[in-house]
């Protein structure tokens, strides 16, 4: 089940789904991948649906890479 997966793995799966890419890594940047406010909303919604805290657009500005965002969510920031 997805809830048993590490948050970083769940978040990586969400980014793969949203951006339509097969490979995603911790250094991939939300904005460099073509992220926008609609993608941010979708990521936040999918995160909540998959048992993670929601992700606000502000959070993507502060921690735009997948790795940094995963760490922030793990710390509850």
PDB file of N, CA and C in Angstrom:
ATOM      1  N   UNK A   1       0.843  -1.199   0.000  1.00  0.00           N
ATOM      2  CA  UNK A   1       0.000   0.000   0.000  1.00  0.00           C
ATOM      3  C   UNK A   1       0.873   1.241   0.000  1.00  0.00           C
ATOM      4  N   UNK A   2       0.356   2.300  -0.596  1.00  0.00           N
ATOM      5  CA  UNK A   2       1.144   3.518  -0.708  1.00  0.00           C
ATOM      6  C   UNK A   2       1.458   4.133   0.648  1.00  0.00           C
ATOM      7  N   UNK A   3       0.554   4.020   1.602  1.00  0.00           N
ATOM      8  CA  UNK A   3       0.770   4.625   2.910  1.00  0.00           C
ATOM      9  C   UNK A   3       2.008   4.045   3.591  1.00  0.00           C
ATOM     10  N   UNK A   4       2.372   2.812   3.254  1.00  0.00           N
ATOM     11  CA  UNK A   4       3.535   2.177   3.856  1.00  0.00           C
ATOM     12  C   UNK A   4       4.837   2.634   3.199  1.00  0.00           C
ATOM     13  N   UNK A   5       4.747   3.249   2.028  1.00  0.00           N
ATOM     14  CA  UNK A   5       5.942   3.719   1.334  1.00  0.00           C
ATOM     15  C   UNK A   5       6.545   4.909   2.071  1.00  0.00           C
ATOM     16  N   UNK A   6       7.844   5.093   1.901  1.00  0.00           N
ATOM     17  CA  UNK A   6       8.503   6.269   2.459  1.00  0.00           C
ATOM     18  C   UNK A   6       7.912   7.517   1.803  1.00  0.00           C
ATOM     19  N   UNK A   7       7.754   8.596   2.572  1.00  0.00           N
ATOM     20  CA  UNK A   7       7.188   9.817   1.992  1.00  0.00           C
ATOM     21  C   UNK A   7       7.915  10.285   0.730  1.00  0.00           C
ATOM     22  N   UNK A   8       9.240  10.150   0.699  1.00  0.00           N
ATOM     23  CA  UNK A   8       9.988  10.576  -0.487  1.00  0.00           C
ATOM     24  C   UNK A   8       9.584   9.765  -1.713  1.00  0.00           C
ATOM     25  N   UNK A   9       9.344   8.467  -1.532  1.00  0.00           N
ATOM     26  CA  UNK A   9       8.942   7.613  -2.652  1.00  0.00           C
ATOM     27  C   UNK A   9       7.537   7.965  -3.118  1.00  0.00           C
ATOM     28  N   UNK A  10       6.644   8.246  -2.182  1.00  0.00           N
ATOM     29  CA  UNK A  10       5.280   8.639  -2.536  1.00  0.00           C
ATOM     30  C   UNK A  10       5.313   9.959  -3.300  1.00  0.00           C
ATOM     31  N   UNK A  11       6.088  10.921  -2.792  1.00  0.00           N
ATOM     32  CA  UNK A  11       6.183  12.226  -3.439  1.00  0.00           C
ATOM     33  C   UNK A  11       6.794  12.097  -4.836  1.00  0.00           C
ATOM     34  N   UNK A  12       7.802  11.252  -4.987  1.00  0.00           N
ATOM     35  CA  UNK A  12       8.406  11.036  -6.310  1.00  0.00           C
ATOM     36  C   UNK A  12       7.368  10.479  -7.280  1.00  0.00           C
ATOM     37  N   UNK A  13       6.540   9.559  -6.808  1.00  0.00           N
ATOM     38  CA  UNK A  13       5.482   9.008  -7.653  1.00  0.00           C
ATOM     39  C   UNK A  13       4.488  10.075  -8.078  1.00  0.00           C
ATOM     40  N   UNK A  14       4.168  10.968  -7.167  1.00  0.00           N
ATOM     41  CA  UNK A  14       3.249  12.071  -7.480  1.00  0.00           C
ATOM     42  C   UNK A  14       3.860  12.962  -8.552  1.00  0.00           C
ATOM     43  N   UNK A  15       5.130  13.313  -8.398  1.00  0.00           N
ATOM     44  CA  UNK A  15       5.789  14.163  -9.394  1.00  0.00           C
ATOM     45  C   UNK A  15       5.838  13.467 -10.749  1.00  0.00           C
ATOM     46  N   UNK A  16       6.116  12.160 -10.758  1.00  0.00           N
ATOM     47  CA  UNK A  16       6.119  11.427 -12.039  1.00  0.00           C
ATOM     48  C   UNK A  16       4.751  11.516 -12.694  1.00  0.00           C
ATOM     49  N   UNK A  17       3.702  11.336 -11.910  1.00  0.00           N
ATOM     50  CA  UNK A  17       2.337  11.404 -12.440  1.00  0.00           C
ATOM     51  C   UNK A  17       2.010  12.799 -12.970  1.00  0.00           C
ATOM     52  N   UNK A  18       2.308  13.817 -12.181  1.00  0.00           N
ATOM     53  CA  UNK A  18       1.942  15.189 -12.542  1.00  0.00           C
ATOM     54  C   UNK A  18       2.730  15.682 -13.756  1.00  0.00           C
ATOM     55  N   UNK A  19       4.033  15.405 -13.771  1.00  0.00           N
ATOM     56  CA  UNK A  19       4.866  15.906 -14.865  1.00  0.00           C
ATOM     57  C   UNK A  19       4.921  14.963 -16.062  1.00  0.00           C
ATOM     58  N   UNK A  20       4.399  13.750 -15.900  1.00  0.00           N
ATOM     59  CA  UNK A  20       4.383  12.802 -17.009  1.00  0.00           C
ATOM     60  C   UNK A  20       5.762  12.322 -17.412  1.00  0.00           C
ATOM     61  N   UNK A  21       6.630  12.132 -16.423  1.00  0.00           N
ATOM     62  CA  UNK A  21       7.987  11.647 -16.684  1.00  0.00           C
ATOM     63  C   UNK A  21       8.172  10.290 -16.014  1.00  0.00           C
ATOM     64  N   UNK A  22       9.095   9.506 -16.558  1.00  0.00           N
ATOM     65  CA  UNK A  22       9.358   8.182 -15.984  1.00  0.00           C
ATOM     66  C   UNK A  22      10.419   8.229 -14.899  1.00  0.00           C
ATOM     67  N   UNK A  23      11.399   9.106 -15.075  1.00  0.00           N
ATOM     68  CA  UNK A  23      12.514   9.204 -14.126  1.00  0.00           C
ATOM     69  C   UNK A  23      12.428  10.531 -13.392  1.00  0.00           C
ATOM     70  N   UNK A  24      12.583  10.475 -12.091  1.00  0.00           N
ATOM     71  CA  UNK A  24      12.602  11.691 -11.277  1.00  0.00           C
ATOM     72  C   UNK A  24      13.610  11.471 -10.159  1.00  0.00           C
ATOM     73  N   UNK A  25      14.364  12.495  -9.834  1.00  0.00           N
ATOM     74  CA  UNK A  25      15.375  12.357  -8.791  1.00  0.00           C
ATOM     75  C   UNK A  25      15.293  13.477  -7.781  1.00  0.00           C
ATOM     76  N   UNK A  26      16.024  13.353  -6.682  1.00  0.00           N
ATOM     77  CA  UNK A  26      15.945  14.333  -5.599  1.00  0.00           C
ATOM     78  C   UNK A  26      16.397  15.737  -5.993  1.00  0.00           C
ATOM     79  N   UNK A  27      17.212  15.853  -7.047  1.00  0.00           N
ATOM     80  CA  UNK A  27      17.691  17.170  -7.464  1.00  0.00           C
ATOM     81  C   UNK A  27      16.807  17.814  -8.525  1.00  0.00           C
ATOM     82  N   UNK A  28      15.754  17.106  -8.960  1.00  0.00           N
ATOM     83  CA  UNK A  28      14.848  17.684  -9.948  1.00  0.00           C
ATOM     84  C   UNK A  28      14.067  18.826  -9.309  1.00  0.00           C
ATOM     85  N   UNK A  29      13.976  19.931 -10.047  1.00  0.00           N
ATOM     86  CA  UNK A  29      13.379  21.167  -9.555  1.00  0.00           C
ATOM     87  C   UNK A  29      11.967  21.346 -10.129  1.00  0.00           C
ATOM     88  N   UNK A  30      11.019  21.637  -9.265  1.00  0.00           N
ATOM     89  CA  UNK A  30       9.623  21.828  -9.663  1.00  0.00           C
ATOM     90  C   UNK A  30       9.499  22.817 -10.820  1.00  0.00           C
ATOM     91  N   UNK A  31      10.179  23.950 -10.716  1.00  0.00           N
ATOM     92  CA  UNK A  31      10.054  25.006 -11.726  1.00  0.00           C
ATOM     93  C   UNK A  31      10.768  24.624 -13.015  1.00  0.00           C
ATOM     94  N   UNK A  32      11.942  23.996 -12.910  1.00  0.00           N
ATOM     95  CA  UNK A  32      12.682  23.581 -14.106  1.00  0.00           C
ATOM     96  C   UNK A  32      11.922  22.522 -14.898  1.00  0.00           C
ATOM     97  N   UNK A  33      11.112  21.727 -14.206  1.00  0.00           N
ATOM     98  CA  UNK A  33      10.315  20.698 -14.881  1.00  0.00           C
ATOM     99  C   UNK A  33       9.078  21.283 -15.562  1.00  0.00           C
ATOM    100  N   UNK A  34       8.842  22.572 -15.361  1.00  0.00           N
ATOM    101  CA  UNK A  34       7.675  23.216 -15.965  1.00  0.00           C
ATOM    102  C   UNK A  34       6.531  23.417 -14.997  1.00  0.00           C
ATOM    103  N   UNK A  35       6.839  23.366 -13.704  1.00  0.00           N
ATOM    104  CA  UNK A  35       5.806  23.518 -12.690  1.00  0.00           C
ATOM    105  C   UNK A  35       5.118  24.870 -12.745  1.00  0.00           C
ATOM    106  N   UNK A  36       3.858  24.881 -12.371  1.00  0.00           N
ATOM    107  CA  UNK A  36       3.070  26.108 -12.317  1.00  0.00           C
ATOM    108  C   UNK A  36       2.052  25.960 -11.187  1.00  0.00           C
ATOM    109  N   UNK A  37       1.202  26.957 -11.025  1.00  0.00           N
ATOM    110  CA  UNK A  37       0.271  26.920  -9.894  1.00  0.00           C
ATOM    111  C   UNK A  37      -0.715  25.758  -9.998  1.00  0.00           C
ATOM    112  N   UNK A  38      -1.130  25.399 -11.204  1.00  0.00           N
ATOM    113  CA  UNK A  38      -2.053  24.267 -11.348  1.00  0.00           C
ATOM    114  C   UNK A  38      -1.380  22.959 -10.960  1.00  0.00           C
ATOM    115  N   UNK A  39      -0.112  22.797 -11.348  1.00  0.00           N
ATOM    116  CA  UNK A  39       0.634  21.595 -10.957  1.00  0.00           C
ATOM    117  C   UNK A  39       0.794  21.551  -9.442  1.00  0.00           C
ATOM    118  N   UNK A  40       1.038  22.725  -8.846  1.00  0.00           N
ATOM    119  CA  UNK A  40       1.217  22.787  -7.392  1.00  0.00           C
ATOM    120  C   UNK A  40      -0.053  22.332  -6.678  1.00  0.00           C
ATOM    121  N   UNK A  41      -1.205  22.780  -7.165  1.00  0.00           N
ATOM    122  CA  UNK A  41      -2.480  22.371  -6.564  1.00  0.00           C
ATOM    123  C   UNK A  41      -2.662  20.867  -6.708  1.00  0.00           C
ATOM    124  N   UNK A  42      -2.341  20.347  -7.891  1.00  0.00           N
ATOM    125  CA  UNK A  42      -2.501  18.907  -8.128  1.00  0.00           C
ATOM    126  C   UNK A  42      -1.577  18.101  -7.205  1.00  0.00           C
ATOM    127  N   UNK A  43      -0.332  18.559  -7.060  1.00  0.00           N
ATOM    128  CA  UNK A  43       0.611  17.871  -6.174  1.00  0.00           C
ATOM    129  C   UNK A  43       0.086  17.884  -4.740  1.00  0.00           C
ATOM    130  N   UNK A  44      -0.417  19.036  -4.290  1.00  0.00           N
ATOM    131  CA  UNK A  44      -0.957  19.129  -2.935  1.00  0.00           C
ATOM    132  C   UNK A  44      -2.137  18.201  -2.716  1.00  0.00           C
ATOM    133  N   UNK A  45      -3.032  18.139  -3.695  1.00  0.00           N
ATOM    134  CA  UNK A  45      -4.208  17.268  -3.597  1.00  0.00           C
ATOM    135  C   UNK A  45      -3.798  15.805  -3.566  1.00  0.00           C
ATOM    136  N   UNK A  46      -2.921  15.411  -4.487  1.00  0.00           N
ATOM    137  CA  UNK A  46      -2.475  14.017  -4.539  1.00  0.00           C
ATOM    138  C   UNK A  46      -1.709  13.636  -3.276  1.00  0.00           C
ATOM    139  N   UNK A  47      -0.920  14.570  -2.742  1.00  0.00           N
ATOM    140  CA  UNK A  47      -0.173  14.291  -1.510  1.00  0.00           C
ATOM    141  C   UNK A  47      -1.142  13.950  -0.379  1.00  0.00           C
ATOM    142  N   UNK A  48      -2.179  14.765  -0.222  1.00  0.00           N
ATOM    143  CA  UNK A  48      -3.165  14.500   0.839  1.00  0.00           C
ATOM    144  C   UNK A  48      -3.881  13.173   0.597  1.00  0.00           C
ATOM    145  N   UNK A  49      -4.252  12.908  -0.658  1.00  0.00           N
ATOM    146  CA  UNK A  49      -4.942  11.652  -0.981  1.00  0.00           C
ATOM    147  C   UNK A  49      -4.075  10.433  -0.677  1.00  0.00           C
ATOM    148  N   UNK A  50      -2.757  10.611  -0.757  1.00  0.00           N
ATOM    149  CA  UNK A  50      -1.834   9.489  -0.558  1.00  0.00           C
ATOM    150  C   UNK A  50      -1.209   9.487   0.832  1.00  0.00           C
ATOM    151  N   UNK A  51      -1.805  10.239   1.749  1.00  0.00           N
ATOM    152  CA  UNK A  51      -1.395  10.175   3.145  1.00  0.00           C
ATOM    153  C   UNK A  51      -0.276  11.098   3.572  1.00  0.00           C
ATOM    154  N   UNK A  52       0.109  12.030   2.708  1.00  0.00           N
ATOM    155  CA  UNK A  52       1.150  13.000   3.064  1.00  0.00           C
ATOM    156  C   UNK A  52       0.497  14.320   3.451  1.00  0.00           C
ATOM    157  N   UNK A  53       1.255  15.195   4.123  1.00  0.00           N
ATOM    158  CA  UNK A  53       0.716  16.535   4.371  1.00  0.00           C
ATOM    159  C   UNK A  53       0.502  17.245   3.037  1.00  0.00           C
ATOM    160  N   UNK A  54      -0.396  18.194   3.013  1.00  0.00           N
ATOM    161  CA  UNK A  54      -0.586  18.984   1.799  1.00  0.00           C
ATOM    162  C   UNK A  54       0.663  19.793   1.492  1.00  0.00           C
ATOM    163  N   UNK A  55       0.819  20.148   0.238  1.00  0.00           N
ATOM    164  CA  UNK A  55       1.965  20.935  -0.203  1.00  0.00           C
ATOM    165  C   UNK A  55       1.432  22.262  -0.728  1.00  0.00           C
ATOM    166  N   UNK A  56       1.822  23.360  -0.094  1.00  0.00           N
ATOM    167  CA  UNK A  56       1.377  24.686  -0.519  1.00  0.00           C
ATOM    168  C   UNK A  56       2.335  25.243  -1.568  1.00  0.00           C
ATOM    169  N   UNK A  57       1.826  26.145  -2.403  1.00  0.00           N
ATOM    170  CA  UNK A  57       2.662  26.780  -3.420  1.00  0.00           C
ATOM    171  C   UNK A  57       3.876  27.442  -2.767  1.00  0.00           C
ATOM    172  N   UNK A  58       3.664  28.079  -1.621  1.00  0.00           N
ATOM    173  CA  UNK A  58       4.774  28.723  -0.895  1.00  0.00           C
ATOM    174  C   UNK A  58       5.878  27.711  -0.593  1.00  0.00           C
ATOM    175  N   UNK A  59       5.475  26.481  -0.231  1.00  0.00           N
ATOM    176  CA  UNK A  59       6.462  25.446   0.090  1.00  0.00           C
ATOM    177  C   UNK A  59       7.308  25.113  -1.134  1.00  0.00           C
ATOM    178  N   UNK A  60       6.702  25.139  -2.320  1.00  0.00           N
ATOM    179  CA  UNK A  60       7.448  24.837  -3.543  1.00  0.00           C
ATOM    180  C   UNK A  60       8.439  25.950  -3.881  1.00  0.00           C
ATOM    181  N   UNK A  61       8.147  27.184  -3.466  1.00  0.00           N
ATOM    182  CA  UNK A  61       9.113  28.271  -3.648  1.00  0.00           C
ATOM    183  C   UNK A  61      10.282  28.107  -2.683  1.00  0.00           C
ATOM    184  N   UNK A  62       9.987  27.680  -1.455  1.00  0.00           N
ATOM    185  CA  UNK A  62      11.031  27.541  -0.439  1.00  0.00           C
ATOM    186  C   UNK A  62      11.891  26.302  -0.655  1.00  0.00           C
ATOM    187  N   UNK A  63      11.282  25.216  -1.104  1.00  0.00           N
ATOM    188  CA  UNK A  63      11.990  23.944  -1.299  1.00  0.00           C
ATOM    189  C   UNK A  63      11.578  23.362  -2.652  1.00  0.00           C
ATOM    190  N   UNK A  64      12.126  23.921  -3.750  1.00  0.00           N
ATOM    191  CA  UNK A  64      11.651  23.527  -5.079  1.00  0.00           C
ATOM    192  C   UNK A  64      12.143  22.177  -5.593  1.00  0.00           C
ATOM    193  N   UNK A  65      13.191  21.609  -4.977  1.00  0.00           N
ATOM    194  CA  UNK A  65      13.644  20.305  -5.470  1.00  0.00           C
ATOM    195  C   UNK A  65      12.892  19.196  -4.748  1.00  0.00           C
ATOM    196  N   UNK A  66      12.775  18.074  -5.411  1.00  0.00           N
ATOM    197  CA  UNK A  66      12.060  16.940  -4.833  1.00  0.00           C
ATOM    198  C   UNK A  66      12.681  16.519  -3.503  1.00  0.00           C
ATOM    199  N   UNK A  67      14.013  16.475  -3.446  1.00  0.00           N
ATOM    200  CA  UNK A  67      14.696  16.068  -2.222  1.00  0.00           C
ATOM    201  C   UNK A  67      14.447  17.023  -1.068  1.00  0.00           C
ATOM    202  N   UNK A  68      14.560  18.328  -1.339  1.00  0.00           N
ATOM    203  CA  UNK A  68      14.352  19.327  -0.288  1.00  0.00           C
ATOM    204  C   UNK A  68      12.901  19.329   0.185  1.00  0.00           C
ATOM    205  N   UNK A  69      11.973  19.168  -0.746  1.00  0.00           N
ATOM    206  CA  UNK A  69      10.561  19.126  -0.376  1.00  0.00           C
ATOM    207  C   UNK A  69      10.261  17.887   0.463  1.00  0.00           C
ATOM    208  N   UNK A  70      10.829  16.761   0.085  1.00  0.00           N
ATOM    209  CA  UNK A  70      10.638  15.522   0.852  1.00  0.00           C
ATOM    210  C   UNK A  70      11.141  15.681   2.277  1.00  0.00           C
ATOM    211  N   UNK A  71      12.319  16.302   2.426  1.00  0.00           N
ATOM    212  CA  UNK A  71      12.887  16.521   3.759  1.00  0.00           C
ATOM    213  C   UNK A  71      12.007  17.459   4.579  1.00  0.00           C
ATOM    214  N   UNK A  72      11.503  18.507   3.938  1.00  0.00           N
ATOM    215  CA  UNK A  72      10.646  19.462   4.646  1.00  0.00           C
ATOM    216  C   UNK A  72       9.361  18.787   5.123  1.00  0.00           C
ATOM    217  N   UNK A  73       8.770  17.956   4.270  1.00  0.00           N
ATOM    218  CA  UNK A  73       7.547  17.253   4.668  1.00  0.00           C
ATOM    219  C   UNK A  73       7.832  16.280   5.806  1.00  0.00           C
ATOM    220  N   UNK A  74       8.985  15.627   5.764  1.00  0.00           N
ATOM    221  CA  UNK A  74       9.354  14.678   6.816  1.00  0.00           C
ATOM    222  C   UNK A  74       9.534  15.395   8.161  1.00  0.00           C
ATOM    223  N   UNK A  75      10.024  16.644   8.106  1.00  0.00           N
ATOM    224  CA  UNK A  75      10.218  17.436   9.329  1.00  0.00           C
ATOM    225  C   UNK A  75       8.924  18.110   9.773  1.00  0.00           C
ATOM    226  N   UNK A  76       7.903  18.050   8.925  1.00  0.00           N
ATOM    227  CA  UNK A  76       6.635  18.687   9.250  1.00  0.00           C
ATOM    228  C   UNK A  76       6.648  20.181   9.060  1.00  0.00           C
ATOM    229  N   UNK A  77       7.515  20.655   8.166  1.00  0.00           N
ATOM    230  CA  UNK A  77       7.624  22.101   7.906  1.00  0.00           C
ATOM    231  C   UNK A  77       6.559  22.522   6.922  1.00  0.00           C
TER     232      UNK A  77
END
